[in-house]
Amino acid sequence: MYDVVSLVDRYVSLMGGAAAAPFHAQLAAALSQLLGAEEPDRGVTDNAASAAARLLAAGAVNDPSIGPDLVRILLAALPLQEDFEEAAAVGPARYRPPRHRHAF
């Protein structure tokens, strides 16, 4: 499961913007499954939360079919419990307000 987190981190750093938008739903689905699973290694969950935050910051937050659900799942996975280095990606300073209004 940790491979999904690495994949998202590489994807966001290499392919941000409009070129990456077609892959947001697939990545969000994989991260949602990982964040919703009973993962015994809390560090893995913290890394997945960070990857979800990066995906949202890369533009998925503006997609009404992805953003609201991924935000809900991300918030349920917080607070970080082991990998506090991920706090920079998950913290509120990383976000800009979404361009569209969503009902969360």
C-alpha atoms as a PDB file:
ATOM      1  CA  MET A   1       0.000   0.000   0.000  1.00  0.00           C
ATOM      2  CA  TYR A   2       2.898   2.358   0.636  1.00  0.00           C
ATOM      3  CA  ASP A   3       3.643   2.283  -3.115  1.00  0.00           C
ATOM      4  CA  VAL A   4       0.449   4.283  -3.690  1.00  0.00           C
ATOM      5  CA  VAL A   5       1.776   7.068  -1.472  1.00  0.00           C
ATOM      6  CA  SER A   6       5.112   7.136  -3.316  1.00  0.00           C
ATOM      7  CA  LEU A   7       3.308   7.183  -6.639  1.00  0.00           C
ATOM      8  CA  VAL A   8       1.150  10.161  -5.631  1.00  0.00           C
ATOM      9  CA  ASP A   9       4.134  12.095  -4.312  1.00  0.00           C
ATOM     10  CA  ARG A  10       6.062  11.535  -7.549  1.00  0.00           C
ATOM     11  CA  TYR A  11       3.006  12.357  -9.643  1.00  0.00           C
ATOM     12  CA  VAL A  12       2.295  15.618  -7.862  1.00  0.00           C
ATOM     13  CA  SER A  13       5.916  16.772  -8.021  1.00  0.00           C
ATOM     14  CA  LEU A  14       6.368  15.866 -11.696  1.00  0.00           C
ATOM     15  CA  MET A  15       2.994  16.379 -13.320  1.00  0.00           C
ATOM     16  CA  GLY A  16       1.020  19.088 -11.560  1.00  0.00           C
ATOM     17  CA  GLY A  17      -1.494  21.264 -13.342  1.00  0.00           C
ATOM     18  CA  ALA A  18      -3.937  20.518 -16.125  1.00  0.00           C
ATOM     19  CA  ALA A  19      -1.888  17.643 -17.571  1.00  0.00           C
ATOM     20  CA  ALA A  20      -2.400  15.682 -14.365  1.00  0.00           C
ATOM     21  CA  ALA A  21      -6.117  16.316 -13.897  1.00  0.00           C
ATOM     22  CA  PRO A  22      -7.251  13.144 -15.718  1.00  0.00           C
ATOM     23  CA  PHE A  23      -5.485  11.052 -13.060  1.00  0.00           C
ATOM     24  CA  HIS A  24      -6.875  12.792  -9.963  1.00  0.00           C
ATOM     25  CA  ALA A  25      -9.874  10.455  -9.587  1.00  0.00           C
ATOM     26  CA  GLN A  26      -7.778   7.281  -9.771  1.00  0.00           C
ATOM     27  CA  LEU A  27      -5.222   8.581  -7.304  1.00  0.00           C
ATOM     28  CA  ALA A  28      -7.933   9.848  -4.949  1.00  0.00           C
ATOM     29  CA  ALA A  29      -9.645   6.437  -5.034  1.00  0.00           C
ATOM     30  CA  ALA A  30      -6.408   4.631  -4.168  1.00  0.00           C
ATOM     31  CA  LEU A  31      -5.633   7.027  -1.327  1.00  0.00           C
ATOM     32  CA  SER A  32      -9.200   6.816  -0.022  1.00  0.00           C
ATOM     33  CA  GLN A  33      -8.904   3.045   0.223  1.00  0.00           C
ATOM     34  CA  LEU A  34      -5.574   3.335   1.990  1.00  0.00           C
ATOM     35  CA  LEU A  35      -6.814   5.962   4.448  1.00  0.00           C
ATOM     36  CA  GLY A  36      -9.988   3.985   5.144  1.00  0.00           C
ATOM     37  CA  ALA A  37      -8.157   0.713   5.806  1.00  0.00           C
ATOM     38  CA  GLU A  38      -7.196  -0.612   9.210  1.00  0.00           C
ATOM     39  CA  GLU A  39      -3.494   0.002   8.712  1.00  0.00           C
ATOM     40  CA  PRO A  40      -1.426  -1.210  11.679  1.00  0.00           C
ATOM     41  CA  ASP A  41       1.505   1.061  10.769  1.00  0.00           C
ATOM     42  CA  ARG A  42       0.338   4.565  11.617  1.00  0.00           C
ATOM     43  CA  GLY A  43       3.309   6.033   9.731  1.00  0.00           C
ATOM     44  CA  VAL A  44       1.843   4.649   6.511  1.00  0.00           C
ATOM     45  CA  THR A  45      -1.475   6.343   7.285  1.00  0.00           C
ATOM     46  CA  ASP A  46       0.313   9.615   7.998  1.00  0.00           C
ATOM     47  CA  ASN A  47       2.140   9.354   4.654  1.00  0.00           C
ATOM     48  CA  ALA A  48      -1.139   8.646   2.859  1.00  0.00           C
ATOM     49  CA  ALA A  49      -2.705  11.689   4.529  1.00  0.00           C
ATOM     50  CA  SER A  50       0.182  13.795   3.278  1.00  0.00           C
ATOM     51  CA  ALA A  51      -0.206  12.422  -0.243  1.00  0.00           C
ATOM     52  CA  ALA A  52      -3.938  13.169  -0.156  1.00  0.00           C
ATOM     53  CA  ALA A  53      -3.208  16.730   0.968  1.00  0.00           C
ATOM     54  CA  ARG A  54      -0.714  17.151  -1.876  1.00  0.00           C
ATOM     55  CA  LEU A  55      -3.240  15.816  -4.362  1.00  0.00           C
ATOM     56  CA  LEU A  56      -5.853  18.265  -3.103  1.00  0.00           C
ATOM     57  CA  ALA A  57      -3.351  21.122  -3.309  1.00  0.00           C
ATOM     58  CA  ALA A  58      -2.483  20.081  -6.880  1.00  0.00           C
ATOM     59  CA  GLY A  59      -6.041  20.870  -7.927  1.00  0.00           C
ATOM     60  CA  ALA A  60      -8.246  17.937  -6.961  1.00  0.00           C
ATOM     61  CA  VAL A  61      -9.926  20.129  -4.340  1.00  0.00           C
ATOM     62  CA  ASN A  62     -11.556  22.078  -7.183  1.00  0.00           C
ATOM     63  CA  ASP A  63     -13.188  18.971  -8.680  1.00  0.00           C
ATOM     64  CA  PRO A  64     -16.636  18.497  -7.094  1.00  0.00           C
ATOM     65  CA  SER A  65     -16.547  14.759  -7.832  1.00  0.00           C
ATOM     66  CA  ILE A  66     -13.258  14.309  -5.932  1.00  0.00           C
ATOM     67  CA  GLY A  67     -12.551  17.194  -3.552  1.00  0.00           C
ATOM     68  CA  PRO A  68     -15.345  16.916  -0.975  1.00  0.00           C
ATOM     69  CA  ASP A  69     -14.940  13.176  -0.412  1.00  0.00           C
ATOM     70  CA  LEU A  70     -11.156  13.286  -0.282  1.00  0.00           C
ATOM     71  CA  VAL A  71     -11.220  16.195   2.180  1.00  0.00           C
ATOM     72  CA  ARG A  72     -13.652  14.275   4.413  1.00  0.00           C
ATOM     73  CA  ILE A  73     -11.472  11.145   4.334  1.00  0.00           C
ATOM     74  CA  LEU A  74      -8.307  13.165   4.950  1.00  0.00           C
ATOM     75  CA  LEU A  75      -9.808  14.918   7.962  1.00  0.00           C
ATOM     76  CA  ALA A  76     -10.920  11.571   9.407  1.00  0.00           C
ATOM     77  CA  ALA A  77      -7.313  10.327   9.192  1.00  0.00           C
ATOM     78  CA  LEU A  78      -5.990  13.248  11.242  1.00  0.00           C
ATOM     79  CA  PRO A  79      -4.252  14.001  13.525  1.00  0.00           C
ATOM     80  CA  LEU A  80      -0.893  12.684  12.409  1.00  0.00           C
ATOM     81  CA  GLN A  81       0.419  10.251  14.983  1.00  0.00           C
ATOM     82  CA  GLU A  82       3.882   9.063  13.905  1.00  0.00           C
ATOM     83  CA  ASP A  83       5.336  10.807  10.877  1.00  0.00           C
ATOM     84  CA  PHE A  84       5.287  14.453  11.878  1.00  0.00           C
ATOM     85  CA  GLU A  85       7.467  15.419   8.922  1.00  0.00           C
ATOM     86  CA  GLU A  86       4.262  15.116   6.893  1.00  0.00           C
ATOM     87  CA  ALA A  87       2.677  17.997   8.836  1.00  0.00           C
ATOM     88  CA  ALA A  88       3.992  20.567   6.356  1.00  0.00           C
ATOM     89  CA  ALA A  89       1.953  18.993   3.565  1.00  0.00           C
ATOM     90  CA  VAL A  90      -1.154  18.465   5.669  1.00  0.00           C
ATOM     91  CA  GLY A  91      -1.126  21.810   7.491  1.00  0.00           C
ATOM     92  CA  PRO A  92      -3.600  24.562   6.601  1.00  0.00           C
ATOM     93  CA  ALA A  93      -0.933  26.977   5.340  1.00  0.00           C
ATOM     94  CA  ARG A  94      -0.565  24.752   2.287  1.00  0.00           C
ATOM     95  CA  TYR A  95      -4.098  25.401   1.027  1.00  0.00           C
ATOM     96  CA  ARG A  96      -5.714  28.070  -1.003  1.00  0.00           C
ATOM     97  CA  PRO A  97      -9.509  28.263  -0.894  1.00  0.00           C
ATOM     98  CA  PRO A  98     -11.204  26.131  -3.555  1.00  0.00           C
ATOM     99  CA  ARG A  99     -12.394  27.953  -6.647  1.00  0.00           C
ATOM    100  CA  HIS A 100     -15.793  26.300  -6.469  1.00  0.00           C
ATOM    101  CA  ARG A 101     -18.160  26.039  -3.548  1.00  0.00           C
ATOM    102  CA  HIS A 102     -18.683  22.522  -2.255  1.00  0.00           C
ATOM    103  CA  ALA A 103     -21.059  21.242   0.355  1.00  0.00           C
ATOM    104  CA  PHE A 104     -18.900  19.277   2.758  1.00  0.00           C
END
